[in-house]
Amino acid sequence: MNIDQLINFAEAETPAENYRPAAEKVLKGDPAQSVRNHYSSPCKQFHAGIWEGAVGQWKISYTEHEYCEILQGVSVIRDQDGNAVTYRTGDRFVIPAGFSGTWEVLEDTRKVYVIFEQA
């Protein structure tokens, strides 16, 4: 393996995959989203890239572990009991596998994600 195989997010030309959460998961707004998955490991358990989401709220249920770093915007994550944490530009956090609740984008949000999917 050589230096040419390193992935620089600032230079990556990964095409965006645009989507919306399933209609039954949407609670507010029209949360259009896009992802640029810059890297997936050969075993397909590790992924890293950039995610963007528009204002809205939807249900989430994590089967993967995810590290997030908010690059822009404001989002609120709530657990199933209604407890909430607000994340803003510069915040870094991990969502463990098994977490369920809601994700609400208050201001268009852009984040770096690193995902590990347990086998």
Protein backbone atom coordinates (compact mmCIF):
# COMPACT_ATOMS: atom_id res chain seq x y z
CA MET A 1 0.00 0.00 0.00
CA ASN A 2 1.30 3.49 -0.80
CA ILE A 3 0.52 7.14 -0.05
CA ASP A 4 -1.77 7.39 -3.10
CA GLN A 5 -4.32 5.21 -1.31
CA LEU A 6 -4.94 7.72 1.48
CA ILE A 7 -8.28 9.55 1.19
CA ASN A 8 -8.27 13.32 1.63
CA PHE A 9 -11.88 14.38 2.21
CA ALA A 10 -11.13 17.90 0.92
CA GLU A 11 -10.00 16.50 -2.43
CA ALA A 12 -12.29 13.48 -2.78
CA GLU A 13 -14.66 13.64 -5.73
CA THR A 14 -17.18 11.17 -4.36
CA PRO A 15 -20.62 11.73 -5.92
CA ALA A 16 -23.44 12.59 -3.52
CA GLU A 17 -26.20 10.07 -2.88
CA ASN A 18 -29.38 12.09 -2.25
CA TYR A 19 -32.27 10.61 -0.29
CA ARG A 20 -34.98 11.20 2.31
CA PRO A 21 -35.92 9.10 5.33
CA ALA A 22 -38.83 6.73 4.77
CA ALA A 23 -42.13 8.64 4.99
CA GLU A 24 -43.23 6.73 8.11
CA LYS A 25 -40.10 7.94 9.96
CA VAL A 26 -40.53 11.65 9.19
CA LEU A 27 -42.04 13.64 12.07
CA LYS A 28 -41.51 17.23 10.82
CA GLY A 29 -40.46 19.05 7.69
CA ASP A 30 -38.92 17.60 4.53
CA PRO A 31 -35.50 16.40 5.73
CA ALA A 32 -33.68 15.92 2.43
CA GLN A 33 -30.27 14.34 3.00
CA SER A 34 -27.12 13.50 1.11
CA VAL A 35 -24.10 11.37 1.81
CA ARG A 36 -20.66 11.23 0.24
CA ASN A 37 -19.19 7.96 1.47
CA HIS A 38 -15.50 8.56 0.82
CA TYR A 39 -14.34 5.21 2.19
CA SER A 40 -15.62 1.71 2.93
CA SER A 41 -13.30 -1.00 4.21
CA PRO A 42 -12.93 -4.22 2.19
CA CYS A 43 -14.95 -6.06 4.89
CA LYS A 44 -17.77 -3.44 4.52
CA GLN A 45 -17.95 -2.89 8.31
CA PHE A 46 -16.15 0.48 8.42
CA HIS A 47 -17.29 3.59 6.52
CA ALA A 48 -16.35 7.28 6.56
CA GLY A 49 -17.60 10.35 4.73
CA ILE A 50 -19.69 13.51 4.80
CA TRP A 51 -23.43 13.67 5.52
CA GLU A 52 -25.71 16.68 5.02
CA GLY A 53 -29.28 17.12 6.22
CA ALA A 54 -31.97 19.75 5.74
CA VAL A 55 -34.35 21.05 8.40
CA GLY A 56 -36.75 18.40 9.68
CA GLN A 57 -37.12 15.60 12.22
CA TRP A 58 -37.21 11.83 11.81
CA LYS A 59 -37.00 8.63 13.84
CA ILE A 60 -33.60 6.92 14.15
CA SER A 61 -32.56 3.44 15.23
CA TYR A 62 -28.84 2.64 15.15
CA THR A 63 -27.51 -0.83 14.40
CA GLU A 64 -24.03 0.66 13.87
CA HIS A 65 -21.64 2.67 16.06
CA GLU A 66 -21.15 6.19 14.66
CA TYR A 67 -18.65 8.94 15.42
CA CYS A 68 -19.90 12.37 14.30
CA GLU A 69 -18.22 15.76 13.99
CA ILE A 70 -20.56 18.65 13.18
CA LEU A 71 -18.96 20.87 10.52
CA GLN A 72 -21.94 23.22 10.13
CA GLY A 73 -25.43 23.70 11.53
CA VAL A 74 -27.46 22.69 14.57
CA SER A 75 -29.12 19.34 15.30
CA VAL A 76 -30.94 17.88 18.29
CA ILE A 77 -30.85 14.18 19.12
CA ARG A 78 -33.53 12.83 21.45
CA ASP A 79 -33.76 9.43 23.08
CA GLN A 80 -36.99 7.46 23.39
CA ASP A 81 -37.71 9.12 26.76
CA GLY A 82 -37.53 12.61 25.24
CA ASN A 83 -34.13 13.55 26.74
CA ALA A 84 -32.29 15.80 24.27
CA VAL A 85 -28.80 16.99 23.41
CA THR A 86 -28.15 19.85 20.99
CA TYR A 87 -25.07 19.60 18.77
CA ARG A 88 -23.53 22.56 16.95
CA THR A 89 -20.59 23.33 14.70
CA GLY A 90 -17.42 21.89 16.24
CA ASP A 91 -19.15 19.31 18.46
CA ARG A 92 -17.94 15.70 18.35
CA PHE A 93 -19.81 12.69 19.70
CA VAL A 94 -20.48 8.96 19.36
CA ILE A 95 -23.85 7.29 18.91
CA PRO A 96 -23.57 3.67 20.09
CA ALA A 97 -25.30 0.80 18.31
CA GLY A 98 -28.72 0.18 19.86
CA PHE A 99 -29.63 3.88 20.27
CA SER A 100 -33.17 4.79 19.19
CA GLY A 101 -34.93 8.13 19.22
CA THR A 102 -35.13 11.09 16.85
CA TRP A 103 -32.76 13.36 14.95
CA GLU A 104 -33.93 16.92 14.36
CA VAL A 105 -32.06 19.37 12.14
CA LEU A 106 -32.76 22.94 13.31
CA GLU A 107 -30.26 24.53 10.90
CA ASP A 108 -28.99 22.69 7.82
CA THR A 109 -26.32 20.36 9.18
CA ARG A 110 -23.14 18.95 7.68
CA LYS A 111 -21.07 16.35 9.52
CA VAL A 112 -18.16 13.98 9.15
CA TYR A 113 -19.21 10.46 10.04
CA VAL A 114 -17.22 7.35 10.83
CA ILE A 115 -19.32 4.19 11.12
CA PHE A 116 -18.48 0.73 12.40
CA GLU A 117 -21.03 -1.99 11.73
CA GLN A 118 -20.56 -5.00 13.98
CA ALA A 119 -20.72 -8.37 12.26
